[in-house]
Amino acid sequence: MVITTLADGITRGVGAVTDTITAPFSDPVIRLGVTGLSRAGKTVFITSLVANLLNRGRMAQFQAASSGRIETVYLQPQPDDTIPRFDYENHLAALTAKQPHWPNGTERISELRLSLKVRPKGFLSGLQGVRTVHLDIVDYPGEWLLDLSLMDKDFATWSAETLVRMTGRPAADDFTTALAAVNPANGFEEPQAQALATTFTTHLNAAREAGFSDCTPGRFLLPGDLEGSPVLTFAPLPLVDKPSRKSMWREFERRFESYKRNVVRPFFRDHFARIDRQIVLVDVLGAIHSGPQAVEDMRRSMADILGAFRPGRNNFLSQLFQGRRIDKILFAATKADHLHHQQHPQLTAITQALLRDAQDRAEFSGATTQAMSIAALRTTVEEVRNHNGADLGVVRGQLLHAAKQAAFYPGALPTDPAHLLGPARAGAEKWLDADYEVMSFAPAALTLKPGDGPPHIRLDRAVQFLLGDRL
């Protein structure tokens, strides 16, 4: 374990030194990590981001674009030949079809490179020519990011925390019943292990569908080519005093450590540790709809995973001796188009409060963080309707899986975030004084003018925060 960790550190250090030495003699590269939990909208975000960088007519708050300093943007082959390419063209075709539909979500890591020809600004701009800046967009599932918190835990600690956390969650009783039928101190039997791992995975999937965020290990939800392998065939167990070498407890402990060594650590070493800027997409509205427990679970999850970002300000010495550090992190509450703009300040304030622990930890380490409400693709239009003598700001859009439009009012979000986070921290089972609804909208049919990307809400402000200072 110590030798492996040391080797990983040396590998990252050599990579950092190489990047640092070659950077002054090559075009600058920004590696932007895009992640979020299930249904937060990663695929749509990246597709709209690329489309709006290629056609910048809707990017007024992105200063390099609105000032005309970006002369052109174009797609290039990505530098990592072993990573799947983000399927931008097919995802855009799905969103811009005559009958548009949502593209498939993220199930694996992927990458895309954009190259930007940028004219410099400032006192010496007249003496410098146009330069090329490469933007490497790295898309990875948020479930994998949550796994990084496992690196500092042993099997006994993870098991104890998981068994406590699952109380009251969907399908937890089924797993508890299956667990009660086995004795972890007895000899290991593969069919019994497979049955227990399957029941545990069913619980994780049900919890995710119910809006819970912390559903580790993440590869149990997105197994890919690891499906059915021993590294994904374990489950949390109650502590056994001095378990024998051939017991189920010992074998599950071994597989847990193998999962960290063979699944989590390579992701951190090969991909995550090379990211410069990060956006974390968060479905805050979905968590609010799911109830106080889902909101509190999201708050804890975001605070926990931020430690994996290794945040701090990038400079020559930190890259040379410590490797790359993420120095800007944007927490973006998605689906802002599901609310009338009158409620956007409340959604942003709730996101800021929800992620306060995570933000404080990042800023203390030197990173700049910001919370924002966005919609990478706007699917609705706003209206004001009178209800019981009061004017309500509503949104209207095409319902998903229905050939009709509907106006929607989700409920009034509180101006004081504590009215939500207080009950969530206290363990309330439901909201006592409000009922928050969500609606699933289909993407709206688009008719784009030449030079315009897809309509959005604050995508240009998000890009300015993430990239503006580097351009």
Protein backbone atom coordinates (compact mmCIF):
# COMPACT_ATOMS: atom_id res chain seq x y z
CA MET A 1 0.00 0.00 0.00
CA VAL A 2 2.75 2.46 0.96
CA ILE A 3 4.84 1.54 -2.09
CA THR A 4 1.82 1.91 -4.39
CA THR A 5 0.91 5.29 -2.93
CA LEU A 6 4.51 6.46 -3.26
CA ALA A 7 4.64 5.28 -6.86
CA ASP A 8 1.42 7.15 -7.66
CA GLY A 9 2.85 10.30 -6.10
CA ILE A 10 6.05 10.01 -8.13
CA THR A 11 4.03 9.45 -11.32
CA ARG A 12 1.91 12.55 -10.70
CA GLY A 13 5.00 14.55 -9.81
CA VAL A 14 6.83 13.56 -12.99
CA GLY A 15 3.72 14.42 -15.02
CA ALA A 16 3.48 17.81 -13.33
CA VAL A 17 7.15 18.57 -13.96
CA THR A 18 6.78 17.57 -17.61
CA ASP A 19 3.69 19.76 -18.03
CA THR A 20 5.43 22.68 -16.35
CA ILE A 21 8.59 22.44 -18.43
CA THR A 22 6.81 22.05 -21.78
CA ALA A 23 4.01 24.58 -21.14
CA PRO A 24 6.05 27.74 -21.94
CA PHE A 25 7.02 26.25 -25.34
CA SER A 26 3.58 25.07 -26.43
CA ASP A 27 0.02 26.33 -26.67
CA PRO A 28 -1.63 26.73 -23.25
CA VAL A 29 -4.15 24.07 -22.28
CA ILE A 30 -7.07 24.41 -19.85
CA ARG A 31 -8.50 21.13 -18.61
CA LEU A 32 -12.10 21.68 -17.51
CA GLY A 33 -13.71 18.94 -15.45
CA VAL A 34 -17.48 18.61 -15.73
CA THR A 35 -19.26 16.41 -13.23
CA GLY A 36 -22.42 16.18 -11.19
CA LEU A 37 -24.74 13.61 -9.78
CA SER A 38 -27.31 11.66 -11.77
CA ARG A 39 -29.71 13.71 -13.90
CA ALA A 40 -27.92 16.97 -13.09
CA GLY A 41 -27.49 17.56 -16.83
CA LYS A 42 -23.80 16.95 -17.61
CA THR A 43 -24.32 15.79 -21.19
CA VAL A 44 -26.63 18.67 -22.07
CA PHE A 45 -24.31 21.17 -20.37
CA ILE A 46 -21.27 20.10 -22.39
CA THR A 47 -23.24 19.96 -25.64
CA SER A 48 -24.65 23.45 -25.14
CA LEU A 49 -21.29 24.76 -23.92
CA VAL A 50 -19.50 23.59 -27.07
CA ALA A 51 -22.29 24.80 -29.36
CA ASN A 52 -22.28 28.24 -27.73
CA LEU A 53 -18.50 28.52 -27.95
CA LEU A 54 -18.59 27.63 -31.64
CA ASN A 55 -21.44 30.11 -32.22
CA ARG A 56 -21.10 32.88 -29.66
CA GLY A 57 -24.11 35.09 -30.39
CA ARG A 58 -25.70 34.33 -26.98
CA MET A 59 -22.50 34.72 -24.92
CA ALA A 60 -22.76 38.40 -23.97
CA GLN A 61 -21.35 37.91 -20.45
CA PHE A 62 -18.33 35.97 -21.72
CA GLN A 63 -16.02 38.93 -22.19
CA ALA A 64 -13.51 37.39 -24.58
CA ALA A 65 -16.41 36.57 -26.91
CA SER A 66 -18.49 39.75 -26.53
CA SER A 67 -15.39 41.95 -27.04
CA GLY A 68 -14.56 40.15 -30.26
CA ARG A 69 -11.16 38.94 -29.07
CA ILE A 70 -12.03 35.33 -29.89
CA GLU A 71 -11.47 35.11 -33.63
CA THR A 72 -12.50 31.51 -34.11
CA VAL A 73 -13.21 28.30 -32.22
CA TYR A 74 -12.94 24.83 -33.72
CA LEU A 75 -12.97 21.19 -32.68
CA GLN A 76 -9.76 19.22 -32.75
CA PRO A 77 -8.79 15.60 -32.06
CA GLN A 78 -8.37 15.15 -28.34
CA PRO A 79 -4.88 14.51 -26.96
CA ASP A 80 -5.77 11.33 -25.03
CA ASP A 81 -6.12 8.51 -27.53
CA THR A 82 -7.29 5.97 -24.94
CA ILE A 83 -10.28 8.00 -23.67
CA PRO A 84 -13.63 7.88 -25.53
CA ARG A 85 -14.52 11.09 -27.36
CA PHE A 86 -17.54 13.01 -26.10
CA ASP A 87 -20.19 12.38 -28.75
CA TYR A 88 -20.94 16.05 -29.34
CA GLU A 89 -22.36 15.79 -32.85
CA ASN A 90 -24.96 13.13 -32.02
CA HIS A 91 -25.93 14.83 -28.76
CA LEU A 92 -26.43 18.14 -30.60
CA ALA A 93 -28.45 16.37 -33.29
CA ALA A 94 -30.77 14.99 -30.60
CA LEU A 95 -31.36 18.47 -29.14
CA THR A 96 -31.82 20.22 -32.49
CA ALA A 97 -33.92 17.61 -34.30
CA LYS A 98 -37.36 18.47 -35.65
CA GLN A 99 -38.70 16.46 -32.72
CA PRO A 100 -35.91 17.02 -30.17
CA HIS A 101 -35.18 14.57 -27.39
CA TRP A 102 -32.77 14.37 -24.48
CA PRO A 103 -29.48 12.54 -25.22
CA ASN A 104 -28.28 9.63 -23.11
CA GLY A 105 -26.56 10.53 -19.85
CA THR A 106 -22.96 10.09 -18.77
CA GLU A 107 -21.93 6.52 -17.94
CA ARG A 108 -18.16 6.74 -18.46
CA ILE A 109 -15.36 9.24 -18.79
CA SER A 110 -15.08 11.08 -22.11
CA GLU A 111 -13.18 14.03 -23.49
CA LEU A 112 -13.39 16.72 -26.16
CA ARG A 113 -10.89 19.38 -27.29
CA LEU A 114 -11.81 22.86 -28.48
CA SER A 115 -9.16 25.24 -29.78
CA LEU A 116 -9.69 28.99 -29.46
CA LYS A 117 -7.82 31.63 -31.48
CA VAL A 118 -7.67 34.60 -29.09
CA ARG A 119 -6.28 38.12 -29.52
CA PRO A 120 -4.55 39.35 -26.35
CA LYS A 121 -5.67 42.45 -24.47
CA GLY A 122 -3.86 44.98 -22.35
CA PHE A 123 -0.94 47.39 -22.78
CA LEU A 124 1.19 45.00 -24.85
CA SER A 125 -1.64 43.58 -26.95
CA GLY A 126 -0.44 45.44 -30.04
CA LEU A 127 2.94 43.72 -29.83
CA GLN A 128 1.53 40.22 -29.49
CA GLY A 129 -0.11 38.12 -32.13
CA VAL A 130 -3.15 35.87 -31.97
CA ARG A 131 -2.53 32.87 -29.72
CA THR A 132 -4.17 29.45 -29.55
CA VAL A 133 -5.65 28.19 -26.29
CA HIS A 134 -6.83 24.58 -26.09
CA LEU A 135 -9.82 23.71 -23.91
CA ASP A 136 -9.96 20.04 -22.97
CA ILE A 137 -13.39 19.21 -21.55
CA VAL A 138 -13.34 16.10 -19.36
CA ASP A 139 -16.75 14.59 -18.64
CA TYR A 140 -17.01 12.05 -15.85
CA PRO A 141 -19.85 10.65 -13.71
CA GLY A 142 -20.38 12.28 -10.34
CA GLU A 143 -20.78 8.84 -8.83
CA TRP A 144 -17.07 8.26 -9.52
CA LEU A 145 -16.19 11.50 -7.78
CA LEU A 146 -17.98 10.38 -4.63
CA ASP A 147 -15.76 7.29 -4.61
CA LEU A 148 -12.71 9.42 -3.91
CA SER A 149 -13.95 9.82 -0.33
CA LEU A 150 -13.39 6.07 0.11
CA MET A 151 -9.63 6.44 -0.20
CA ASP A 152 -9.25 7.53 3.43
CA LYS A 153 -11.53 4.80 4.82
CA ASP A 154 -11.01 1.15 5.62
CA PHE A 155 -13.67 -1.50 5.10
CA ALA A 156 -14.86 -1.44 8.72
CA THR A 157 -15.35 2.33 8.71
CA TRP A 158 -17.12 2.38 5.34
CA SER A 159 -19.38 -0.51 6.38
CA ALA A 160 -20.40 1.13 9.65
CA GLU A 161 -21.16 4.47 7.97
CA THR A 162 -23.09 2.85 5.13
CA LEU A 163 -25.25 0.67 7.38
CA VAL A 164 -26.22 3.74 9.43
CA ARG A 165 -26.80 5.94 6.38
CA MET A 166 -29.09 3.51 4.59
CA THR A 167 -31.66 3.51 7.41
CA GLY A 168 -34.96 4.68 6.00
CA ARG A 169 -33.77 4.69 2.41
CA PRO A 170 -35.56 2.76 -0.38
CA ALA A 171 -34.88 -1.00 -0.53
CA ALA A 172 -32.76 -0.79 2.63
CA ASP A 173 -35.03 -3.27 4.43
CA ASP A 174 -34.48 -5.85 1.70
CA PHE A 175 -30.72 -5.59 2.13
CA THR A 176 -30.98 -5.66 5.91
CA THR A 177 -33.06 -8.84 5.69
CA ALA A 178 -30.54 -10.45 3.33
CA LEU A 179 -27.68 -9.41 5.60
CA ALA A 180 -29.37 -10.92 8.65
CA ALA A 181 -29.47 -14.28 6.89
CA VAL A 182 -25.67 -14.55 6.62
CA ASN A 183 -22.89 -14.77 9.17
CA PRO A 184 -19.88 -12.68 8.03
CA ALA A 185 -17.62 -14.73 10.31
CA ASN A 186 -18.38 -17.93 8.40
CA GLY A 187 -16.48 -19.24 5.43
CA PHE A 188 -16.76 -17.32 2.16
CA GLU A 189 -19.11 -18.64 -0.55
CA GLU A 190 -19.26 -16.87 -3.93
CA PRO A 191 -23.01 -17.42 -4.63
CA GLN A 192 -23.86 -15.95 -1.22
CA ALA A 193 -21.58 -12.98 -1.90
CA GLN A 194 -23.15 -12.37 -5.30
CA ALA A 195 -26.66 -12.44 -3.86
CA LEU A 196 -25.74 -9.98 -1.11
CA ALA A 197 -23.95 -7.62 -3.53
CA THR A 198 -26.94 -7.72 -5.91
CA THR A 199 -29.35 -6.75 -3.13
CA PHE A 200 -27.02 -3.97 -2.03
CA THR A 201 -26.76 -2.66 -5.61
CA THR A 202 -30.55 -2.68 -5.90
CA HIS A 203 -30.69 -0.53 -2.78
CA LEU A 204 -28.13 1.92 -4.19
CA ASN A 205 -30.08 2.30 -7.43
CA ALA A 206 -33.35 2.81 -5.55
CA ALA A 207 -31.75 5.42 -3.29
CA ARG A 208 -30.38 7.31 -6.28
CA GLU A 209 -33.78 7.24 -7.97
CA ALA A 210 -35.29 8.66 -4.78
CA GLY A 211 -32.97 11.66 -4.95
CA PHE A 212 -30.17 10.65 -2.56
CA SER A 213 -26.64 11.71 -3.51
CA ASP A 214 -24.23 9.60 -1.46
CA CYS A 215 -24.59 6.17 -3.05
CA THR A 216 -21.11 4.70 -2.94
CA PRO A 217 -19.40 2.74 -4.37
CA GLY A 218 -20.23 4.60 -7.59
CA ARG A 219 -19.19 1.83 -9.97
CA PHE A 220 -21.94 -0.35 -8.52
CA LEU A 221 -24.32 2.08 -10.25
CA LEU A 222 -22.26 2.44 -13.44
CA PRO A 223 -20.27 -0.81 -13.69
CA GLY A 224 -19.38 -0.77 -17.39
CA ASP A 225 -17.04 -3.62 -18.29
CA LEU A 226 -16.51 -4.38 -14.58
CA GLU A 227 -20.04 -5.75 -14.20
CA GLY A 228 -20.02 -9.14 -12.51
CA SER A 229 -16.36 -8.91 -11.49
CA PRO A 230 -15.20 -9.68 -7.93
CA VAL A 231 -14.14 -6.05 -7.49
CA LEU A 232 -17.87 -5.15 -7.61
CA THR A 233 -19.03 -8.13 -5.58
CA PHE A 234 -19.00 -7.02 -1.96
CA ALA A 235 -21.30 -5.18 0.46
CA PRO A 236 -21.11 -3.52 3.88
CA LEU A 237 -20.93 -5.93 6.81
CA PRO A 238 -21.21 -5.54 10.58
CA LEU A 239 -17.86 -5.66 12.34
CA VAL A 240 -16.53 -9.13 13.16
CA ASP A 241 -14.12 -9.56 16.05
CA LYS A 242 -10.93 -11.21 14.78
CA PRO A 243 -12.39 -12.66 11.56
CA SER A 244 -10.62 -15.69 10.10
CA ARG A 245 -8.66 -15.43 6.87
CA LYS A 246 -11.25 -17.40 4.85
CA SER A 247 -14.32 -15.66 6.24
CA MET A 248 -16.76 -13.54 4.20
CA TRP A 249 -15.70 -10.48 6.19
CA ARG A 250 -12.04 -10.89 5.23
CA GLU A 251 -12.86 -11.51 1.56
CA PHE A 252 -15.15 -8.47 1.39
CA GLU A 253 -12.46 -6.41 3.09
CA ARG A 254 -9.95 -7.58 0.48
CA ARG A 255 -12.31 -6.72 -2.37
CA PHE A 256 -13.02 -3.29 -0.90
CA GLU A 257 -9.30 -2.54 -0.85
CA SER A 258 -9.00 -3.92 -4.38
CA TYR A 259 -11.79 -1.56 -5.48
CA LYS A 260 -9.87 1.41 -4.11
CA ARG A 261 -6.58 0.23 -5.59
CA ASN A 262 -7.78 -0.89 -9.04
CA VAL A 263 -10.76 1.38 -9.70
CA VAL A 264 -10.62 4.57 -7.64
CA ARG A 265 -6.90 5.25 -7.53
CA PRO A 266 -6.31 4.94 -11.32
CA PHE A 267 -9.13 7.42 -11.97
CA PHE A 268 -7.58 9.92 -9.59
CA ARG A 269 -4.07 9.40 -10.94
CA ASP A 270 -4.84 9.35 -14.67
CA HIS A 271 -7.67 11.86 -14.99
CA PHE A 272 -8.88 13.72 -11.96
CA ALA A 273 -5.50 14.98 -10.72
CA ARG A 274 -4.86 16.66 -14.09
CA ILE A 275 -7.90 18.97 -14.01
CA ASP A 276 -7.38 22.76 -13.78
CA ARG A 277 -10.94 24.10 -13.45
CA GLN A 278 -14.07 22.28 -12.28
CA ILE A 279 -17.82 22.72 -12.56
CA VAL A 280 -20.07 20.60 -10.34
CA LEU A 281 -23.66 20.43 -11.59
CA VAL A 282 -26.24 19.96 -8.84
CA ASP A 283 -29.95 19.19 -9.21
CA VAL A 284 -30.98 21.26 -6.18
CA LEU A 285 -34.62 21.44 -7.27
CA GLY A 286 -34.78 17.66 -7.52
CA ALA A 287 -33.34 17.25 -4.03
CA ILE A 288 -35.82 19.77 -2.59
CA HIS A 289 -38.67 17.88 -4.22
CA SER A 290 -37.37 14.59 -2.77
CA GLY A 291 -37.50 16.02 0.75
CA PRO A 292 -35.34 17.09 3.71
CA GLN A 293 -33.34 13.85 3.88
CA ALA A 294 -32.27 14.18 0.25
CA VAL A 295 -31.26 17.81 0.80
CA GLU A 296 -29.15 16.94 3.85
CA ASP A 297 -27.59 14.00 2.02
CA MET A 298 -26.63 16.31 -0.84
CA ARG A 299 -25.12 18.82 1.58
CA ARG A 300 -22.96 16.17 3.23
CA SER A 301 -21.93 14.66 -0.08
CA MET A 302 -20.75 17.92 -1.59
CA ALA A 303 -18.80 18.81 1.54
CA ASP A 304 -17.12 15.39 1.58
CA ILE A 305 -16.12 15.18 -2.07
CA LEU A 306 -14.57 18.64 -2.17
CA GLY A 307 -11.56 17.31 -0.30
CA ALA A 308 -10.74 15.27 -3.41
CA PHE A 309 -10.29 18.42 -5.50
CA ARG A 310 -6.96 19.28 -3.82
CA PRO A 311 -7.82 22.97 -4.35
CA GLY A 312 -5.30 25.78 -4.33
CA ARG A 313 -4.03 28.54 -6.57
CA ASN A 314 -2.09 27.44 -9.63
CA ASN A 315 1.39 28.84 -10.02
CA PHE A 316 4.73 27.69 -11.34
CA LEU A 317 6.08 26.39 -8.05
CA SER A 318 2.89 24.58 -7.00
CA GLN A 319 2.77 22.81 -10.36
CA LEU A 320 6.45 21.96 -10.19
CA PHE A 321 6.45 20.51 -6.66
CA GLN A 322 2.83 19.58 -5.93
CA GLY A 323 1.18 18.90 -9.26
CA ARG A 324 -1.81 20.66 -10.72
CA ARG A 325 -4.36 22.10 -8.33
CA ILE A 326 -7.89 23.11 -9.16
CA ASP A 327 -8.06 26.83 -8.45
CA LYS A 328 -11.63 27.60 -9.54
CA ILE A 329 -14.72 25.55 -8.75
CA LEU A 330 -18.24 26.47 -9.82
CA PHE A 331 -21.23 24.86 -8.12
CA ALA A 332 -24.10 25.26 -10.57
CA ALA A 333 -27.73 24.58 -9.68
CA THR A 334 -29.17 23.32 -12.95
CA LYS A 335 -32.66 23.49 -14.44
CA ALA A 336 -33.14 27.17 -13.60
CA ASP A 337 -35.56 27.27 -16.54
CA HIS A 338 -38.00 25.29 -14.36
CA LEU A 339 -38.47 28.48 -12.32
CA HIS A 340 -39.64 31.97 -13.23
CA HIS A 341 -36.66 34.34 -13.06
CA GLN A 342 -38.23 35.96 -9.98
CA GLN A 343 -37.20 32.84 -8.02
CA HIS A 344 -33.67 32.50 -9.37
CA PRO A 345 -32.14 34.52 -6.50
CA GLN A 346 -33.75 32.13 -4.00
CA LEU A 347 -32.40 29.09 -5.86
CA THR A 348 -28.90 30.59 -5.91
CA ALA A 349 -29.09 31.49 -2.20
CA ILE A 350 -30.21 27.96 -1.32
CA THR A 351 -27.36 26.51 -3.39
CA GLN A 352 -24.85 28.77 -1.65
CA ALA A 353 -26.16 27.75 1.77
CA LEU A 354 -26.40 24.08 0.80
CA LEU A 355 -22.78 24.06 -0.30
CA ARG A 356 -21.43 26.37 2.40
CA ASP A 357 -19.33 23.68 4.07
CA ALA A 358 -17.86 22.65 0.73
CA GLN A 359 -17.16 26.24 -0.33
CA ASP A 360 -15.52 27.17 2.96
CA ARG A 361 -13.21 24.17 2.72
CA ALA A 362 -12.20 25.06 -0.84
CA GLU A 363 -11.65 28.76 -0.18
CA PHE A 364 -9.64 28.01 2.94
CA SER A 365 -7.28 26.02 0.73
CA GLY A 366 -6.88 28.85 -1.76
CA ALA A 367 -9.43 28.04 -4.46
CA THR A 368 -12.05 30.48 -5.71
CA THR A 369 -15.56 29.08 -5.61
CA GLN A 370 -18.91 30.41 -6.71
CA ALA A 371 -22.52 29.22 -6.72
CA MET A 372 -24.82 30.01 -9.61
CA SER A 373 -28.22 29.04 -11.03
CA ILE A 374 -28.09 28.07 -14.70
CA ALA A 375 -29.90 26.26 -17.46
CA ALA A 376 -27.53 25.01 -20.15
CA LEU A 377 -30.50 24.61 -22.49
CA ARG A 378 -33.62 26.67 -21.94
CA THR A 379 -36.75 24.55 -22.44
CA THR A 380 -39.49 26.87 -21.19
CA VAL A 381 -40.94 30.37 -21.60
CA GLU A 382 -42.10 32.55 -18.73
CA GLU A 383 -45.62 33.74 -18.05
CA VAL A 384 -47.49 35.54 -15.28
CA ARG A 385 -50.87 34.07 -14.36
CA ASN A 386 -53.43 35.16 -11.82
CA HIS A 387 -54.28 32.59 -9.16
CA ASN A 388 -56.74 33.39 -6.37
CA GLY A 389 -56.21 37.07 -6.94
CA ALA A 390 -52.41 36.91 -6.90
CA ASP A 391 -50.00 37.05 -9.84
CA LEU A 392 -47.75 34.00 -10.05
CA GLY A 393 -44.64 33.71 -12.21
CA VAL A 394 -44.89 30.39 -14.03
CA VAL A 395 -42.98 28.61 -16.79
CA ARG A 396 -44.58 26.84 -19.73
CA GLY A 397 -43.04 24.04 -21.78
CA GLN A 398 -43.54 20.77 -23.60
CA LEU A 399 -44.13 17.92 -21.17
CA LEU A 400 -41.81 14.97 -21.46
CA HIS A 401 -43.54 11.89 -22.93
CA ALA A 402 -46.72 13.91 -23.61
CA ALA A 403 -47.88 15.73 -26.72
CA LYS A 404 -48.99 18.84 -24.89
CA GLN A 405 -47.67 21.93 -23.20
CA ALA A 406 -48.29 22.86 -19.59
CA ALA A 407 -47.74 25.85 -17.32
CA PHE A 408 -45.93 24.99 -14.11
CA TYR A 409 -45.48 26.62 -10.73
CA PRO A 410 -43.19 24.58 -8.43
CA GLY A 411 -44.05 26.42 -5.21
CA ALA A 412 -42.44 29.45 -3.63
CA LEU A 413 -38.85 28.84 -2.58
CA PRO A 414 -38.05 30.53 0.73
CA THR A 415 -35.97 33.70 0.71
CA ASP A 416 -34.18 32.42 3.83
CA PRO A 417 -32.35 29.16 3.00
CA ALA A 418 -32.43 28.18 6.68
CA HIS A 419 -36.14 27.43 6.27
CA LEU A 420 -35.04 24.46 4.14
CA LEU A 421 -31.66 23.55 5.58
CA GLY A 422 -32.83 23.73 9.20
CA PRO A 423 -35.41 20.91 8.88
CA ALA A 424 -32.96 18.97 6.69
CA ARG A 425 -30.22 19.07 9.33
CA ALA A 426 -32.76 18.21 12.04
CA GLY A 427 -33.75 15.01 10.22
CA ALA A 428 -37.30 15.99 9.25
CA GLU A 429 -39.07 13.44 7.07
CA LYS A 430 -41.01 16.01 5.02
CA TRP A 431 -41.51 19.72 4.57
CA LEU A 432 -44.12 20.92 7.03
CA ASP A 433 -45.19 24.23 5.50
CA ALA A 434 -44.67 23.76 1.77
CA ASP A 435 -44.93 21.28 -1.06
CA TYR A 436 -42.31 21.57 -3.80
CA GLU A 437 -43.05 19.99 -7.15
CA VAL A 438 -40.90 19.21 -10.17
CA MET A 439 -41.88 18.81 -13.80
CA SER A 440 -40.08 16.97 -16.56
CA PHE A 441 -39.92 19.04 -19.71
CA ALA A 442 -38.85 17.92 -23.16
CA PRO A 443 -36.33 20.05 -25.06
CA ALA A 444 -38.08 22.76 -27.08
CA ALA A 445 -37.83 22.81 -30.85
CA LEU A 446 -35.09 25.27 -31.85
CA THR A 447 -34.89 27.77 -34.69
CA LEU A 448 -31.43 29.30 -34.42
CA LYS A 449 -30.16 32.39 -36.20
CA PRO A 450 -26.74 32.19 -37.86
CA GLY A 451 -24.07 32.71 -35.22
CA ASP A 452 -26.34 31.78 -32.30
CA GLY A 453 -25.94 28.75 -30.07
CA PRO A 454 -28.82 27.11 -28.18
CA PRO A 455 -30.73 29.34 -25.72
CA HIS A 456 -29.58 29.14 -22.11
CA ILE A 457 -29.66 30.88 -18.74
CA ARG A 458 -26.32 32.23 -17.44
CA LEU A 459 -24.14 29.77 -19.32
CA ASP A 460 -22.09 32.76 -20.49
CA ARG A 461 -21.56 33.89 -16.88
CA ALA A 462 -20.49 30.38 -15.92
CA VAL A 463 -17.93 30.30 -18.74
CA GLN A 464 -16.64 33.76 -17.78
CA PHE A 465 -16.02 32.58 -14.23
CA LEU A 466 -14.33 29.35 -15.31
CA LEU A 467 -12.25 30.55 -18.27
CA GLY A 468 -12.30 34.35 -18.44
CA ASP A 469 -9.03 34.98 -16.60
CA ARG A 470 -7.17 32.43 -18.75
CA LEU A 471 -8.19 34.11 -22.02
